[in-house]
């Protein structure tokens, strides 16, 4: 994405960041996000979690404007 949006700031929200999670299986990719405080562990269907993540980590004076959100969606069809 950096070729098309060089000033973009990527964040990742993962339901779990513990053992056997995607963050452990793809350590190199998630390590960079974690080191830049852009890996957020919690339930994206929880509005309080999303709101807190937005206010604390994304809505900063020096942050680029929110233009694109990519959601790979839930792995469950029930919601």
C-alpha atoms as a PDB file:
ATOM      1  CA  UNK A   1       0.000   0.000   0.000  1.00  0.00           C
ATOM      2  CA  UNK A   2       2.929   2.363   0.549  1.00  0.00           C
ATOM      3  CA  UNK A   3       3.401   2.729  -3.221  1.00  0.00           C
ATOM      4  CA  UNK A   4      -0.102   4.187  -3.582  1.00  0.00           C
ATOM      5  CA  UNK A   5      -0.386   5.915  -0.203  1.00  0.00           C
ATOM      6  CA  UNK A   6       3.133   6.850   0.928  1.00  0.00           C
ATOM      7  CA  UNK A   7       1.874   8.877   3.908  1.00  0.00           C
ATOM      8  CA  UNK A   8      -0.522   6.154   5.091  1.00  0.00           C
ATOM      9  CA  UNK A   9      -0.445   4.865   8.633  1.00  0.00           C
ATOM     10  CA  UNK A  10      -1.506   1.231   9.036  1.00  0.00           C
ATOM     11  CA  UNK A  11      -3.172  -0.057  12.196  1.00  0.00           C
ATOM     12  CA  UNK A  12      -4.321  -3.591  12.962  1.00  0.00           C
ATOM     13  CA  UNK A  13      -7.060  -4.667  15.345  1.00  0.00           C
ATOM     14  CA  UNK A  14      -6.824  -8.304  16.383  1.00  0.00           C
ATOM     15  CA  UNK A  15      -9.273 -10.132  18.624  1.00  0.00           C
ATOM     16  CA  UNK A  16      -6.402 -11.933  20.334  1.00  0.00           C
ATOM     17  CA  UNK A  17      -2.675 -11.351  20.444  1.00  0.00           C
ATOM     18  CA  UNK A  18      -1.633 -14.340  22.556  1.00  0.00           C
ATOM     19  CA  UNK A  19      -0.203 -17.750  21.740  1.00  0.00           C
ATOM     20  CA  UNK A  20      -1.402 -19.306  18.480  1.00  0.00           C
ATOM     21  CA  UNK A  21      -2.854 -16.004  17.298  1.00  0.00           C
ATOM     22  CA  UNK A  22      -2.212 -14.339  13.953  1.00  0.00           C
ATOM     23  CA  UNK A  23       0.220 -12.002  15.703  1.00  0.00           C
ATOM     24  CA  UNK A  24       2.400 -14.968  16.666  1.00  0.00           C
ATOM     25  CA  UNK A  25       2.117 -16.730  13.311  1.00  0.00           C
ATOM     26  CA  UNK A  26       3.117 -13.556  11.424  1.00  0.00           C
ATOM     27  CA  UNK A  27       5.572 -12.141  13.964  1.00  0.00           C
ATOM     28  CA  UNK A  28       7.611 -10.004  11.579  1.00  0.00           C
ATOM     29  CA  UNK A  29       4.600  -8.163  10.177  1.00  0.00           C
ATOM     30  CA  UNK A  30       2.969  -7.585  13.566  1.00  0.00           C
ATOM     31  CA  UNK A  31       6.224  -6.700  15.330  1.00  0.00           C
ATOM     32  CA  UNK A  32       6.523  -3.519  13.282  1.00  0.00           C
ATOM     33  CA  UNK A  33       2.924  -2.577  14.102  1.00  0.00           C
ATOM     34  CA  UNK A  34       3.489  -3.333  17.797  1.00  0.00           C
ATOM     35  CA  UNK A  35       6.697  -1.285  17.903  1.00  0.00           C
ATOM     36  CA  UNK A  36       4.867   1.684  16.381  1.00  0.00           C
ATOM     37  CA  UNK A  37       1.899   1.338  18.786  1.00  0.00           C
ATOM     38  CA  UNK A  38      -0.374   0.398  15.889  1.00  0.00           C
ATOM     39  CA  UNK A  39      -1.332  -3.124  16.961  1.00  0.00           C
ATOM     40  CA  UNK A  40      -4.539  -3.026  18.999  1.00  0.00           C
ATOM     41  CA  UNK A  41      -5.738  -6.198  20.726  1.00  0.00           C
ATOM     42  CA  UNK A  42      -9.458  -6.395  21.367  1.00  0.00           C
ATOM     43  CA  UNK A  43     -12.906  -7.048  19.968  1.00  0.00           C
ATOM     44  CA  UNK A  44     -13.698  -4.780  17.010  1.00  0.00           C
ATOM     45  CA  UNK A  45     -17.423  -5.440  17.529  1.00  0.00           C
ATOM     46  CA  UNK A  46     -17.163  -3.651  20.904  1.00  0.00           C
ATOM     47  CA  UNK A  47     -17.920   0.031  20.330  1.00  0.00           C
ATOM     48  CA  UNK A  48     -16.185   1.061  23.568  1.00  0.00           C
ATOM     49  CA  UNK A  49     -12.971  -0.674  22.480  1.00  0.00           C
ATOM     50  CA  UNK A  50     -13.132   0.938  19.026  1.00  0.00           C
ATOM     51  CA  UNK A  51     -13.839   4.362  20.473  1.00  0.00           C
ATOM     52  CA  UNK A  52     -10.973   4.120  22.981  1.00  0.00           C
ATOM     53  CA  UNK A  53      -8.566   2.872  20.301  1.00  0.00           C
ATOM     54  CA  UNK A  54      -9.575   5.741  18.010  1.00  0.00           C
ATOM     55  CA  UNK A  55      -9.244   8.416  20.703  1.00  0.00           C
ATOM     56  CA  UNK A  56      -5.940   7.172  22.174  1.00  0.00           C
ATOM     57  CA  UNK A  57      -4.026   6.001  19.114  1.00  0.00           C
ATOM     58  CA  UNK A  58      -5.503   7.298  15.865  1.00  0.00           C
ATOM     59  CA  UNK A  59      -7.072  10.710  16.458  1.00  0.00           C
ATOM     60  CA  UNK A  60      -3.839  12.611  16.975  1.00  0.00           C
ATOM     61  CA  UNK A  61      -2.879  16.050  15.695  1.00  0.00           C
ATOM     62  CA  UNK A  62       0.046  14.541  13.766  1.00  0.00           C
ATOM     63  CA  UNK A  63      -1.935  11.609  12.323  1.00  0.00           C
ATOM     64  CA  UNK A  64      -2.929  11.489   8.673  1.00  0.00           C
ATOM     65  CA  UNK A  65      -6.672  11.856   8.023  1.00  0.00           C
ATOM     66  CA  UNK A  66      -8.729   8.659   8.055  1.00  0.00           C
ATOM     67  CA  UNK A  67      -9.468   7.965   4.381  1.00  0.00           C
ATOM     68  CA  UNK A  68      -9.462   4.199   3.934  1.00  0.00           C
ATOM     69  CA  UNK A  69     -10.642   1.409   6.207  1.00  0.00           C
ATOM     70  CA  UNK A  70     -10.112  -2.184   5.137  1.00  0.00           C
ATOM     71  CA  UNK A  71     -12.044  -4.717   7.167  1.00  0.00           C
ATOM     72  CA  UNK A  72     -11.404  -8.370   6.434  1.00  0.00           C
ATOM     73  CA  UNK A  73     -14.519  -9.094   8.471  1.00  0.00           C
ATOM     74  CA  UNK A  74     -15.443 -11.611  11.039  1.00  0.00           C
ATOM     75  CA  UNK A  75     -14.690 -15.256  10.620  1.00  0.00           C
ATOM     76  CA  UNK A  76     -18.193 -16.030  11.878  1.00  0.00           C
ATOM     77  CA  UNK A  77     -21.366 -15.487   9.889  1.00  0.00           C
ATOM     78  CA  UNK A  78     -23.494 -15.098  13.031  1.00  0.00           C
ATOM     79  CA  UNK A  79     -22.822 -11.349  13.260  1.00  0.00           C
END
